[in-house]
């Protein structure tokens, strides 16, 4: 049995450096041996910071390298499915950022290639590995709060992404809220059967020009009868706003924002704390480490993958249902969405 997994990382943009730092410094059984990006200065910057010995320009070069056991796909979404198929055919294990694709047909093609090759695939829904959210899940699974009745997620970014980022991302439901759709299933331990979504442009008129929203609310109806709400905003002036609450028949459980410190300042006219973490790189550092650690152990020890292909597909189905709902101004059942 190998005691080390050699990774090649594809993509040095928004999320690539986060995973590069995790692989280089935080997972002892992982070794990052190569990085690829069409923009060589970006790849060089990450390689220099993380002591990555090999820099190439294409994912194909990473996949063809016999020294690499697993690929971490952090490139734009529209490249994910093809890279998964190629990596699977080459016998590489695969960690891929979410989503696999904006198309269910492409997701199914990628998952079929993985199954045929017998390699492992994990998709980057890192919030499943956050200790706060794991505690919420434990309260539901154990019956600590009884039967869940109401579910609510708040997920708001501190500032919007560049408009150019939106074009290949799929928009707010597929790029941003897809994490919350995954958390809805994971935390409630139940499937969603109906979605009712509404979106607005409240932050930047440029979102309207991109046929997207910067503000959205979704109502979920779970199979077991519970109701859920998700609200997203691309701009939260006080930092990265990440909260969840579940009300059950015996009580409730809630997870609040995380802060760089726990200090409370009390004065004559106010009591206050410092702002929460500013963005996902700080807020979810531990969960990024935990998901890569879980993937590495699953490969080295031949354990089941924590986030399966089916887990990665369903949030995209929910996001497509939300898009259809907002377009048609009506509730959309999950069963209406097909490839």
C-alpha atoms as a PDB file:
ATOM      1  CA  UNK A   1       0.000   0.000   0.000  1.00  0.00           C
ATOM      2  CA  UNK A   2       1.343   3.428  -0.940  1.00  0.00           C
ATOM      3  CA  UNK A   3       1.774   5.929   1.864  1.00  0.00           C
ATOM      4  CA  UNK A   4       1.905   9.001  -0.391  1.00  0.00           C
ATOM      5  CA  UNK A   5      -0.344  10.310  -3.176  1.00  0.00           C
ATOM      6  CA  UNK A   6       1.281  12.397  -5.905  1.00  0.00           C
ATOM      7  CA  UNK A   7      -0.998  15.151  -7.244  1.00  0.00           C
ATOM      8  CA  UNK A   8      -1.009  17.293 -10.339  1.00  0.00           C
ATOM      9  CA  UNK A   9      -3.130  20.435 -10.118  1.00  0.00           C
ATOM     10  CA  UNK A  10      -4.915  21.938 -13.127  1.00  0.00           C
ATOM     11  CA  UNK A  11      -5.822  25.619 -12.815  1.00  0.00           C
ATOM     12  CA  UNK A  12      -4.090  28.460 -10.950  1.00  0.00           C
ATOM     13  CA  UNK A  13      -6.974  30.919 -10.860  1.00  0.00           C
ATOM     14  CA  UNK A  14      -9.567  31.564  -8.140  1.00  0.00           C
ATOM     15  CA  UNK A  15      -9.639  28.240  -6.262  1.00  0.00           C
ATOM     16  CA  UNK A  16      -6.448  26.597  -7.545  1.00  0.00           C
ATOM     17  CA  UNK A  17      -4.097  28.431  -5.169  1.00  0.00           C
ATOM     18  CA  UNK A  18      -6.274  27.444  -2.191  1.00  0.00           C
ATOM     19  CA  UNK A  19      -5.963  23.748  -3.024  1.00  0.00           C
ATOM     20  CA  UNK A  20      -2.285  24.137  -3.922  1.00  0.00           C
ATOM     21  CA  UNK A  21      -1.514  25.483  -0.452  1.00  0.00           C
ATOM     22  CA  UNK A  22      -3.554  22.687   1.133  1.00  0.00           C
ATOM     23  CA  UNK A  23      -1.760  19.988  -0.848  1.00  0.00           C
ATOM     24  CA  UNK A  24       1.658  21.533  -0.287  1.00  0.00           C
ATOM     25  CA  UNK A  25       1.441  22.204   3.432  1.00  0.00           C
ATOM     26  CA  UNK A  26      -1.555  20.678   5.178  1.00  0.00           C
ATOM     27  CA  UNK A  27      -2.029  17.054   4.066  1.00  0.00           C
ATOM     28  CA  UNK A  28       1.025  14.950   5.009  1.00  0.00           C
ATOM     29  CA  UNK A  29       0.193  12.033   2.702  1.00  0.00           C
ATOM     30  CA  UNK A  30      -0.187  14.316  -0.344  1.00  0.00           C
ATOM     31  CA  UNK A  31       2.636  15.593  -2.537  1.00  0.00           C
ATOM     32  CA  UNK A  32       1.972  18.245  -5.190  1.00  0.00           C
ATOM     33  CA  UNK A  33       4.431  17.592  -8.019  1.00  0.00           C
ATOM     34  CA  UNK A  34       3.058  19.648 -10.922  1.00  0.00           C
ATOM     35  CA  UNK A  35       0.733  22.528 -11.784  1.00  0.00           C
ATOM     36  CA  UNK A  36      -0.825  23.500 -15.113  1.00  0.00           C
ATOM     37  CA  UNK A  37      -2.355  26.736 -16.330  1.00  0.00           C
ATOM     38  CA  UNK A  38      -2.547  28.423 -19.730  1.00  0.00           C
ATOM     39  CA  UNK A  39      -1.509  31.627 -17.958  1.00  0.00           C
ATOM     40  CA  UNK A  40       2.046  30.708 -17.092  1.00  0.00           C
ATOM     41  CA  UNK A  41       2.701  33.688 -14.768  1.00  0.00           C
ATOM     42  CA  UNK A  42      -0.229  32.570 -12.589  1.00  0.00           C
ATOM     43  CA  UNK A  43       1.101  29.010 -12.470  1.00  0.00           C
ATOM     44  CA  UNK A  44       4.607  30.267 -11.744  1.00  0.00           C
ATOM     45  CA  UNK A  45       3.397  32.402  -8.847  1.00  0.00           C
ATOM     46  CA  UNK A  46       1.622  29.455  -7.219  1.00  0.00           C
ATOM     47  CA  UNK A  47       4.537  27.110  -7.913  1.00  0.00           C
ATOM     48  CA  UNK A  48       7.006  29.514  -6.310  1.00  0.00           C
ATOM     49  CA  UNK A  49       4.827  29.974  -3.237  1.00  0.00           C
ATOM     50  CA  UNK A  50       4.129  26.260  -2.791  1.00  0.00           C
ATOM     51  CA  UNK A  51       7.451  24.787  -3.968  1.00  0.00           C
ATOM     52  CA  UNK A  52       5.884  22.902  -6.889  1.00  0.00           C
ATOM     53  CA  UNK A  53       8.722  21.503  -9.017  1.00  0.00           C
ATOM     54  CA  UNK A  54       6.983  21.224 -12.400  1.00  0.00           C
ATOM     55  CA  UNK A  55       5.001  23.844 -14.345  1.00  0.00           C
ATOM     56  CA  UNK A  56       3.173  22.991 -17.578  1.00  0.00           C
ATOM     57  CA  UNK A  57       0.617  24.787 -19.727  1.00  0.00           C
ATOM     58  CA  UNK A  58      -2.108  22.158 -20.187  1.00  0.00           C
ATOM     59  CA  UNK A  59      -4.147  19.671 -18.251  1.00  0.00           C
ATOM     60  CA  UNK A  60      -3.245  17.040 -20.836  1.00  0.00           C
ATOM     61  CA  UNK A  61       0.392  17.233 -19.733  1.00  0.00           C
ATOM     62  CA  UNK A  62      -0.636  16.676 -16.112  1.00  0.00           C
ATOM     63  CA  UNK A  63      -2.811  13.709 -17.034  1.00  0.00           C
ATOM     64  CA  UNK A  64      -0.071  12.135 -19.182  1.00  0.00           C
ATOM     65  CA  UNK A  65       2.571  12.323 -16.445  1.00  0.00           C
ATOM     66  CA  UNK A  66       3.227   8.790 -15.107  1.00  0.00           C
ATOM     67  CA  UNK A  67       4.496  10.191 -11.821  1.00  0.00           C
ATOM     68  CA  UNK A  68       1.066  11.609 -10.997  1.00  0.00           C
ATOM     69  CA  UNK A  69      -1.485   9.416  -9.178  1.00  0.00           C
ATOM     70  CA  UNK A  70      -4.320  11.936  -8.841  1.00  0.00           C
ATOM     71  CA  UNK A  71      -5.379  15.168 -10.502  1.00  0.00           C
ATOM     72  CA  UNK A  72      -6.989  18.145  -8.789  1.00  0.00           C
ATOM     73  CA  UNK A  73      -9.153  19.938 -11.353  1.00  0.00           C
ATOM     74  CA  UNK A  74      -9.507  23.629 -10.502  1.00  0.00           C
ATOM     75  CA  UNK A  75      -9.935  25.017 -14.008  1.00  0.00           C
ATOM     76  CA  UNK A  76     -13.081  26.773 -15.355  1.00  0.00           C
ATOM     77  CA  UNK A  77     -16.298  24.775 -15.110  1.00  0.00           C
ATOM     78  CA  UNK A  78     -16.658  24.242 -18.857  1.00  0.00           C
ATOM     79  CA  UNK A  79     -13.399  22.223 -18.877  1.00  0.00           C
ATOM     80  CA  UNK A  80     -14.242  19.868 -15.999  1.00  0.00           C
ATOM     81  CA  UNK A  81     -16.111  17.080 -17.808  1.00  0.00           C
ATOM     82  CA  UNK A  82     -13.497  16.630 -20.553  1.00  0.00           C
ATOM     83  CA  UNK A  83     -10.668  16.623 -18.027  1.00  0.00           C
ATOM     84  CA  UNK A  84     -12.468  14.057 -15.857  1.00  0.00           C
ATOM     85  CA  UNK A  85     -13.000  11.773 -18.849  1.00  0.00           C
ATOM     86  CA  UNK A  86      -9.357  12.085 -19.925  1.00  0.00           C
ATOM     87  CA  UNK A  87      -8.039  11.552 -16.406  1.00  0.00           C
ATOM     88  CA  UNK A  88     -10.258   8.528 -15.863  1.00  0.00           C
ATOM     89  CA  UNK A  89      -9.086   6.944 -19.125  1.00  0.00           C
ATOM     90  CA  UNK A  90      -5.501   7.514 -17.976  1.00  0.00           C
ATOM     91  CA  UNK A  91      -6.210   5.738 -14.697  1.00  0.00           C
ATOM     92  CA  UNK A  92      -5.845   8.826 -12.527  1.00  0.00           C
ATOM     93  CA  UNK A  93      -7.942   9.401  -9.423  1.00  0.00           C
ATOM     94  CA  UNK A  94      -9.771  12.713  -9.563  1.00  0.00           C
ATOM     95  CA  UNK A  95     -10.615  15.548  -7.223  1.00  0.00           C
ATOM     96  CA  UNK A  96     -12.721  18.107  -9.113  1.00  0.00           C
ATOM     97  CA  UNK A  97     -14.093  21.451  -8.059  1.00  0.00           C
ATOM     98  CA  UNK A  98     -17.846  21.901  -8.245  1.00  0.00           C
ATOM     99  CA  UNK A  99     -19.794  21.638 -10.443  1.00  0.00           C
ATOM    100  CA  UNK A 100     -18.673  18.952 -12.873  1.00  0.00           C
ATOM    101  CA  UNK A 101     -20.645  20.713 -15.585  1.00  0.00           C
ATOM    102  CA  UNK A 102     -23.639  22.975 -16.135  1.00  0.00           C
ATOM    103  CA  UNK A 103     -25.121  20.177 -18.280  1.00  0.00           C
ATOM    104  CA  UNK A 104     -26.559  17.002 -16.783  1.00  0.00           C
ATOM    105  CA  UNK A 105     -25.651  15.120 -19.960  1.00  0.00           C
ATOM    106  CA  UNK A 106     -22.010  16.137 -19.532  1.00  0.00           C
ATOM    107  CA  UNK A 107     -22.070  15.205 -15.847  1.00  0.00           C
ATOM    108  CA  UNK A 108     -23.424  11.774 -16.729  1.00  0.00           C
ATOM    109  CA  UNK A 109     -20.732  11.336 -19.390  1.00  0.00           C
ATOM    110  CA  UNK A 110     -18.021  12.143 -16.858  1.00  0.00           C
ATOM    111  CA  UNK A 111     -19.498   9.871 -14.177  1.00  0.00           C
ATOM    112  CA  UNK A 112     -19.786   7.009 -16.676  1.00  0.00           C
ATOM    113  CA  UNK A 113     -16.102   7.400 -17.575  1.00  0.00           C
ATOM    114  CA  UNK A 114     -15.119   7.292 -13.911  1.00  0.00           C
ATOM    115  CA  UNK A 115     -17.190   4.176 -13.286  1.00  0.00           C
ATOM    116  CA  UNK A 116     -15.839   2.440 -16.380  1.00  0.00           C
ATOM    117  CA  UNK A 117     -12.231   3.176 -15.415  1.00  0.00           C
ATOM    118  CA  UNK A 118     -12.694   2.136 -11.788  1.00  0.00           C
ATOM    119  CA  UNK A 119     -11.001   5.277 -10.449  1.00  0.00           C
ATOM    120  CA  UNK A 120     -12.165   7.430  -7.552  1.00  0.00           C
ATOM    121  CA  UNK A 121     -13.821  10.821  -8.023  1.00  0.00           C
ATOM    122  CA  UNK A 122     -14.604  13.367  -5.315  1.00  0.00           C
ATOM    123  CA  UNK A 123     -16.249  16.717  -6.058  1.00  0.00           C
ATOM    124  CA  UNK A 124     -15.355  19.800  -4.034  1.00  0.00           C
ATOM    125  CA  UNK A 125     -18.358  20.427  -1.831  1.00  0.00           C
ATOM    126  CA  UNK A 126     -16.061  21.431   1.004  1.00  0.00           C
ATOM    127  CA  UNK A 127     -18.738  22.745   3.356  1.00  0.00           C
ATOM    128  CA  UNK A 128     -19.683  19.151   4.206  1.00  0.00           C
ATOM    129  CA  UNK A 129     -16.358  19.005   6.053  1.00  0.00           C
ATOM    130  CA  UNK A 130     -16.828  22.154   8.146  1.00  0.00           C
ATOM    131  CA  UNK A 131     -16.955  21.333  11.861  1.00  0.00           C
ATOM    132  CA  UNK A 132     -19.934  23.623  12.533  1.00  0.00           C
ATOM    133  CA  UNK A 133     -22.023  22.102   9.769  1.00  0.00           C
ATOM    134  CA  UNK A 134     -21.001  18.600  10.780  1.00  0.00           C
ATOM    135  CA  UNK A 135     -22.363  19.347  14.246  1.00  0.00           C
ATOM    136  CA  UNK A 136     -25.648  20.480  12.701  1.00  0.00           C
ATOM    137  CA  UNK A 137     -25.850  17.259  10.711  1.00  0.00           C
ATOM    138  CA  UNK A 138     -25.123  15.228  13.843  1.00  0.00           C
ATOM    139  CA  UNK A 139     -28.048  16.893  15.626  1.00  0.00           C
ATOM    140  CA  UNK A 140     -30.385  15.893  12.815  1.00  0.00           C
ATOM    141  CA  UNK A 141     -29.095  12.351  12.279  1.00  0.00           C
ATOM    142  CA  UNK A 142     -29.068  11.537  16.007  1.00  0.00           C
ATOM    143  CA  UNK A 143     -32.580  12.901  16.592  1.00  0.00           C
ATOM    144  CA  UNK A 144     -31.220  15.450  19.061  1.00  0.00           C
ATOM    145  CA  UNK A 145     -33.613  18.144  17.778  1.00  0.00           C
ATOM    146  CA  UNK A 146     -36.380  15.745  16.793  1.00  0.00           C
ATOM    147  CA  UNK A 147     -37.960  15.814  13.351  1.00  0.00           C
ATOM    148  CA  UNK A 148     -36.716  18.752  11.247  1.00  0.00           C
ATOM    149  CA  UNK A 149     -39.524  21.126  10.297  1.00  0.00           C
ATOM    150  CA  UNK A 150     -37.830  24.290   9.053  1.00  0.00           C
ATOM    151  CA  UNK A 151     -34.426  24.794   7.452  1.00  0.00           C
ATOM    152  CA  UNK A 152     -32.672  28.056   6.617  1.00  0.00           C
ATOM    153  CA  UNK A 153     -29.302  28.893   5.050  1.00  0.00           C
ATOM    154  CA  UNK A 154     -27.803  32.363   4.701  1.00  0.00           C
ATOM    155  CA  UNK A 155     -24.902  32.542   2.245  1.00  0.00           C
ATOM    156  CA  UNK A 156     -23.585  35.973   1.241  1.00  0.00           C
ATOM    157  CA  UNK A 157     -20.275  36.945  -0.302  1.00  0.00           C
ATOM    158  CA  UNK A 158     -18.402  40.072   0.834  1.00  0.00           C
ATOM    159  CA  UNK A 159     -18.141  41.404  -2.715  1.00  0.00           C
ATOM    160  CA  UNK A 160     -19.250  40.299  -6.181  1.00  0.00           C
ATOM    161  CA  UNK A 161     -16.930  38.510  -8.603  1.00  0.00           C
ATOM    162  CA  UNK A 162     -15.763  40.190 -11.816  1.00  0.00           C
ATOM    163  CA  UNK A 163     -18.483  40.135 -14.464  1.00  0.00           C
ATOM    164  CA  UNK A 164     -16.168  38.150 -16.738  1.00  0.00           C
ATOM    165  CA  UNK A 165     -16.206  35.366 -14.136  1.00  0.00           C
ATOM    166  CA  UNK A 166     -19.980  35.072 -14.460  1.00  0.00           C
ATOM    167  CA  UNK A 167     -20.058  34.164 -18.141  1.00  0.00           C
ATOM    168  CA  UNK A 168     -18.784  30.574 -17.835  1.00  0.00           C
ATOM    169  CA  UNK A 169     -19.956  30.077 -14.234  1.00  0.00           C
ATOM    170  CA  UNK A 170     -23.636  29.454 -14.912  1.00  0.00           C
ATOM    171  CA  UNK A 171     -24.896  32.268 -12.689  1.00  0.00           C
ATOM    172  CA  UNK A 172     -25.888  32.553  -9.072  1.00  0.00           C
ATOM    173  CA  UNK A 173     -27.834  29.287  -8.803  1.00  0.00           C
ATOM    174  CA  UNK A 174     -25.162  27.100 -10.444  1.00  0.00           C
ATOM    175  CA  UNK A 175     -22.061  28.879  -9.212  1.00  0.00           C
ATOM    176  CA  UNK A 176     -22.924  30.179  -5.751  1.00  0.00           C
ATOM    177  CA  UNK A 177     -26.118  28.604  -4.440  1.00  0.00           C
ATOM    178  CA  UNK A 178     -25.073  25.138  -5.643  1.00  0.00           C
ATOM    179  CA  UNK A 179     -23.103  24.830  -2.372  1.00  0.00           C
ATOM    180  CA  UNK A 180     -26.269  25.592  -0.406  1.00  0.00           C
ATOM    181  CA  UNK A 181     -28.312  23.088  -2.397  1.00  0.00           C
ATOM    182  CA  UNK A 182     -25.739  20.457  -1.455  1.00  0.00           C
ATOM    183  CA  UNK A 183     -25.882  21.516   2.187  1.00  0.00           C
ATOM    184  CA  UNK A 184     -29.680  21.324   2.195  1.00  0.00           C
ATOM    185  CA  UNK A 185     -29.572  17.629   1.266  1.00  0.00           C
ATOM    186  CA  UNK A 186     -26.595  16.875   3.491  1.00  0.00           C
ATOM    187  CA  UNK A 187     -27.793  18.608   6.652  1.00  0.00           C
ATOM    188  CA  UNK A 188     -31.432  17.559   6.438  1.00  0.00           C
ATOM    189  CA  UNK A 189     -30.711  13.992   5.367  1.00  0.00           C
ATOM    190  CA  UNK A 190     -33.608  14.279   2.930  1.00  0.00           C
ATOM    191  CA  UNK A 191     -34.168  14.958  -0.745  1.00  0.00           C
ATOM    192  CA  UNK A 192     -35.818  18.087  -2.127  1.00  0.00           C
ATOM    193  CA  UNK A 193     -38.861  17.535  -4.309  1.00  0.00           C
ATOM    194  CA  UNK A 194     -39.814  21.121  -5.247  1.00  0.00           C
ATOM    195  CA  UNK A 195     -38.020  24.454  -5.703  1.00  0.00           C
ATOM    196  CA  UNK A 196     -39.479  27.975  -5.911  1.00  0.00           C
ATOM    197  CA  UNK A 197     -36.894  30.646  -6.717  1.00  0.00           C
ATOM    198  CA  UNK A 198     -36.800  34.390  -7.181  1.00  0.00           C
ATOM    199  CA  UNK A 199     -33.862  36.585  -8.130  1.00  0.00           C
ATOM    200  CA  UNK A 200     -33.108  40.287  -8.337  1.00  0.00           C
ATOM    201  CA  UNK A 201     -30.321  42.684  -9.281  1.00  0.00           C
ATOM    202  CA  UNK A 202     -29.683  44.836  -6.203  1.00  0.00           C
ATOM    203  CA  UNK A 203     -25.894  45.193  -6.120  1.00  0.00           C
ATOM    204  CA  UNK A 204     -24.532  45.832  -9.612  1.00  0.00           C
ATOM    205  CA  UNK A 205     -26.520  46.568 -12.819  1.00  0.00           C
ATOM    206  CA  UNK A 206     -23.854  44.617 -14.703  1.00  0.00           C
ATOM    207  CA  UNK A 207     -25.448  41.391 -13.488  1.00  0.00           C
ATOM    208  CA  UNK A 208     -28.571  42.207 -15.494  1.00  0.00           C
ATOM    209  CA  UNK A 209     -26.445  42.648 -18.621  1.00  0.00           C
ATOM    210  CA  UNK A 210     -25.057  39.166 -17.977  1.00  0.00           C
ATOM    211  CA  UNK A 211     -28.610  37.794 -17.588  1.00  0.00           C
ATOM    212  CA  UNK A 212     -27.876  36.941 -13.976  1.00  0.00           C
ATOM    213  CA  UNK A 213     -28.892  37.925 -10.440  1.00  0.00           C
ATOM    214  CA  UNK A 214     -26.786  39.163  -7.550  1.00  0.00           C
ATOM    215  CA  UNK A 215     -29.537  38.507  -4.981  1.00  0.00           C
ATOM    216  CA  UNK A 216     -31.716  35.395  -4.741  1.00  0.00           C
ATOM    217  CA  UNK A 217     -34.097  33.552  -2.446  1.00  0.00           C
ATOM    218  CA  UNK A 218     -35.241  29.948  -2.833  1.00  0.00           C
ATOM    219  CA  UNK A 219     -37.994  28.007  -1.066  1.00  0.00           C
ATOM    220  CA  UNK A 220     -37.458  24.252  -0.824  1.00  0.00           C
ATOM    221  CA  UNK A 221     -40.029  21.550  -0.141  1.00  0.00           C
ATOM    222  CA  UNK A 222     -38.463  18.329   1.154  1.00  0.00           C
ATOM    223  CA  UNK A 223     -39.912  14.872   0.546  1.00  0.00           C
ATOM    224  CA  UNK A 224     -40.487  14.404   4.259  1.00  0.00           C
ATOM    225  CA  UNK A 225     -42.658  17.541   4.382  1.00  0.00           C
ATOM    226  CA  UNK A 226     -40.166  20.025   5.850  1.00  0.00           C
ATOM    227  CA  UNK A 227     -39.718  23.471   4.314  1.00  0.00           C
ATOM    228  CA  UNK A 228     -36.431  25.235   3.690  1.00  0.00           C
ATOM    229  CA  UNK A 229     -35.220  28.640   2.568  1.00  0.00           C
ATOM    230  CA  UNK A 230     -31.898  29.769   1.132  1.00  0.00           C
ATOM    231  CA  UNK A 231     -30.921  33.387   0.656  1.00  0.00           C
ATOM    232  CA  UNK A 232     -27.862  34.491  -1.307  1.00  0.00           C
ATOM    233  CA  UNK A 233     -26.311  37.864  -1.944  1.00  0.00           C
ATOM    234  CA  UNK A 234     -23.160  38.739  -3.856  1.00  0.00           C
ATOM    235  CA  UNK A 235     -22.411  41.615  -1.469  1.00  0.00           C
ATOM    236  CA  UNK A 236     -22.322  41.615   2.313  1.00  0.00           C
ATOM    237  CA  UNK A 237     -20.569  44.756   3.539  1.00  0.00           C
ATOM    238  CA  UNK A 238     -19.539  43.255   6.887  1.00  0.00           C
ATOM    239  CA  UNK A 239     -17.811  40.130   5.533  1.00  0.00           C
ATOM    240  CA  UNK A 240     -18.522  36.533   4.580  1.00  0.00           C
ATOM    241  CA  UNK A 241     -21.974  35.712   5.950  1.00  0.00           C
ATOM    242  CA  UNK A 242     -22.445  31.946   6.386  1.00  0.00           C
ATOM    243  CA  UNK A 243     -25.183  30.749   8.732  1.00  0.00           C
ATOM    244  CA  UNK A 244     -27.604  27.866   9.032  1.00  0.00           C
ATOM    245  CA  UNK A 245     -30.529  27.027  11.312  1.00  0.00           C
ATOM    246  CA  UNK A 246     -32.762  23.961  11.577  1.00  0.00           C
ATOM    247  CA  UNK A 247     -35.899  23.969  13.714  1.00  0.00           C
ATOM    248  CA  UNK A 248     -37.048  20.529  14.834  1.00  0.00           C
ATOM    249  CA  UNK A 249     -39.883  19.068  16.863  1.00  0.00           C
ATOM    250  CA  UNK A 250     -37.662  18.949  19.996  1.00  0.00           C
ATOM    251  CA  UNK A 251     -35.598  22.094  19.528  1.00  0.00           C
ATOM    252  CA  UNK A 252     -33.322  23.870  17.095  1.00  0.00           C
ATOM    253  CA  UNK A 253     -29.660  23.988  16.139  1.00  0.00           C
ATOM    254  CA  UNK A 254     -27.925  26.983  14.559  1.00  0.00           C
ATOM    255  CA  UNK A 255     -24.472  27.728  13.242  1.00  0.00           C
ATOM    256  CA  UNK A 256     -23.289  31.347  13.239  1.00  0.00           C
ATOM    257  CA  UNK A 257     -20.485  33.128  11.432  1.00  0.00           C
ATOM    258  CA  UNK A 258     -16.870  32.449  12.287  1.00  0.00           C
ATOM    259  CA  UNK A 259     -14.535  35.210  13.428  1.00  0.00           C
ATOM    260  CA  UNK A 260     -10.769  35.711  13.544  1.00  0.00           C
ATOM    261  CA  UNK A 261     -11.141  36.129  17.302  1.00  0.00           C
ATOM    262  CA  UNK A 262     -13.809  35.741  19.982  1.00  0.00           C
ATOM    263  CA  UNK A 263     -13.247  39.129  21.649  1.00  0.00           C
ATOM    264  CA  UNK A 264     -16.204  41.247  22.718  1.00  0.00           C
ATOM    265  CA  UNK A 265     -15.612  44.943  23.335  1.00  0.00           C
ATOM    266  CA  UNK A 266     -17.999  46.594  25.808  1.00  0.00           C
ATOM    267  CA  UNK A 267     -18.222  50.353  26.164  1.00  0.00           C
ATOM    268  CA  UNK A 268     -20.557  53.016  27.490  1.00  0.00           C
ATOM    269  CA  UNK A 269     -22.717  53.098  24.374  1.00  0.00           C
ATOM    270  CA  UNK A 270     -22.211  49.775  22.578  1.00  0.00           C
ATOM    271  CA  UNK A 271     -21.078  46.169  22.793  1.00  0.00           C
ATOM    272  CA  UNK A 272     -19.424  44.842  19.657  1.00  0.00           C
ATOM    273  CA  UNK A 273     -17.004  42.350  18.126  1.00  0.00           C
ATOM    274  CA  UNK A 274     -14.665  42.467  15.142  1.00  0.00           C
ATOM    275  CA  UNK A 275     -15.965  41.524  11.691  1.00  0.00           C
ATOM    276  CA  UNK A 276     -16.262  37.855  10.649  1.00  0.00           C
ATOM    277  CA  UNK A 277     -13.813  36.236   8.255  1.00  0.00           C
ATOM    278  CA  UNK A 278     -13.726  38.143   4.997  1.00  0.00           C
ATOM    279  CA  UNK A 279     -14.078  35.335   2.436  1.00  0.00           C
ATOM    280  CA  UNK A 280     -14.093  31.613   1.808  1.00  0.00           C
ATOM    281  CA  UNK A 281     -10.292  31.294   1.790  1.00  0.00           C
ATOM    282  CA  UNK A 282     -10.187  32.195   5.494  1.00  0.00           C
ATOM    283  CA  UNK A 283     -13.600  30.888   6.591  1.00  0.00           C
ATOM    284  CA  UNK A 284     -13.202  27.408   5.137  1.00  0.00           C
ATOM    285  CA  UNK A 285      -9.457  26.743   5.422  1.00  0.00           C
ATOM    286  CA  UNK A 286     -10.018  23.770   7.730  1.00  0.00           C
ATOM    287  CA  UNK A 287     -12.755  22.263   5.568  1.00  0.00           C
ATOM    288  CA  UNK A 288     -10.603  22.535   2.425  1.00  0.00           C
ATOM    289  CA  UNK A 289      -7.934  20.613   4.291  1.00  0.00           C
ATOM    290  CA  UNK A 290     -10.406  18.024   5.579  1.00  0.00           C
ATOM    291  CA  UNK A 291     -11.883  17.314   2.135  1.00  0.00           C
ATOM    292  CA  UNK A 292      -8.452  16.800   0.544  1.00  0.00           C
ATOM    293  CA  UNK A 293      -7.400  14.666   3.504  1.00  0.00           C
ATOM    294  CA  UNK A 294     -10.549  12.530   3.084  1.00  0.00           C
ATOM    295  CA  UNK A 295      -9.926  12.119  -0.652  1.00  0.00           C
ATOM    296  CA  UNK A 296      -6.269  11.221  -0.133  1.00  0.00           C
ATOM    297  CA  UNK A 297      -7.129   8.609   2.491  1.00  0.00           C
ATOM    298  CA  UNK A 298      -9.919   7.195   0.325  1.00  0.00           C
ATOM    299  CA  UNK A 299      -7.435   6.590  -2.496  1.00  0.00           C
ATOM    300  CA  UNK A 300      -4.504   5.341  -0.408  1.00  0.00           C
ATOM    301  CA  UNK A 301      -6.646   3.101   1.805  1.00  0.00           C
ATOM    302  CA  UNK A 302      -9.307   2.222  -0.783  1.00  0.00           C
ATOM    303  CA  UNK A 303     -12.116   3.729   1.291  1.00  0.00           C
ATOM    304  CA  UNK A 304     -15.474   5.011  -0.027  1.00  0.00           C
ATOM    305  CA  UNK A 305     -15.480   8.568  -1.326  1.00  0.00           C
ATOM    306  CA  UNK A 306     -17.167  11.106   0.957  1.00  0.00           C
ATOM    307  CA  UNK A 307     -18.926  13.054  -1.829  1.00  0.00           C
ATOM    308  CA  UNK A 308     -20.134  10.666  -4.531  1.00  0.00           C
ATOM    309  CA  UNK A 309     -21.008  11.299  -8.164  1.00  0.00           C
ATOM    310  CA  UNK A 310     -24.700  11.238  -7.282  1.00  0.00           C
ATOM    311  CA  UNK A 311     -24.055  13.772  -4.518  1.00  0.00           C
ATOM    312  CA  UNK A 312     -22.379  16.069  -7.027  1.00  0.00           C
ATOM    313  CA  UNK A 313     -25.160  15.709  -9.606  1.00  0.00           C
ATOM    314  CA  UNK A 314     -28.190  16.515  -7.457  1.00  0.00           C
ATOM    315  CA  UNK A 315     -27.220  20.107  -6.517  1.00  0.00           C
ATOM    316  CA  UNK A 316     -26.936  20.872 -10.240  1.00  0.00           C
ATOM    317  CA  UNK A 317     -30.424  19.435 -10.791  1.00  0.00           C
ATOM    318  CA  UNK A 318     -31.683  21.693  -8.003  1.00  0.00           C
ATOM    319  CA  UNK A 319     -29.876  24.709  -9.474  1.00  0.00           C
ATOM    320  CA  UNK A 320     -31.405  24.067 -12.899  1.00  0.00           C
ATOM    321  CA  UNK A 321     -34.812  23.782 -11.258  1.00  0.00           C
ATOM    322  CA  UNK A 322     -34.213  27.111  -9.495  1.00  0.00           C
ATOM    323  CA  UNK A 323     -33.276  28.762 -12.777  1.00  0.00           C
ATOM    324  CA  UNK A 324     -36.406  27.413 -14.433  1.00  0.00           C
ATOM    325  CA  UNK A 325     -38.510  28.535 -11.481  1.00  0.00           C
ATOM    326  CA  UNK A 326     -37.163  32.096 -11.552  1.00  0.00           C
ATOM    327  CA  UNK A 327     -37.674  32.286 -15.333  1.00  0.00           C
ATOM    328  CA  UNK A 328     -41.242  30.962 -15.217  1.00  0.00           C
ATOM    329  CA  UNK A 329     -42.306  32.482 -11.852  1.00  0.00           C
ATOM    330  CA  UNK A 330     -43.616  29.189 -10.488  1.00  0.00           C
ATOM    331  CA  UNK A 331     -42.609  26.261  -8.283  1.00  0.00           C
ATOM    332  CA  UNK A 332     -40.683  23.577 -10.204  1.00  0.00           C
ATOM    333  CA  UNK A 333     -40.618  19.948  -9.171  1.00  0.00           C
ATOM    334  CA  UNK A 334     -37.249  18.226  -9.290  1.00  0.00           C
ATOM    335  CA  UNK A 335     -38.819  15.524 -11.464  1.00  0.00           C
ATOM    336  CA  UNK A 336     -39.322  18.108 -14.222  1.00  0.00           C
ATOM    337  CA  UNK A 337     -35.586  18.495 -14.769  1.00  0.00           C
ATOM    338  CA  UNK A 338     -34.027  16.075 -17.225  1.00  0.00           C
ATOM    339  CA  UNK A 339     -30.804  15.854 -19.212  1.00  0.00           C
END
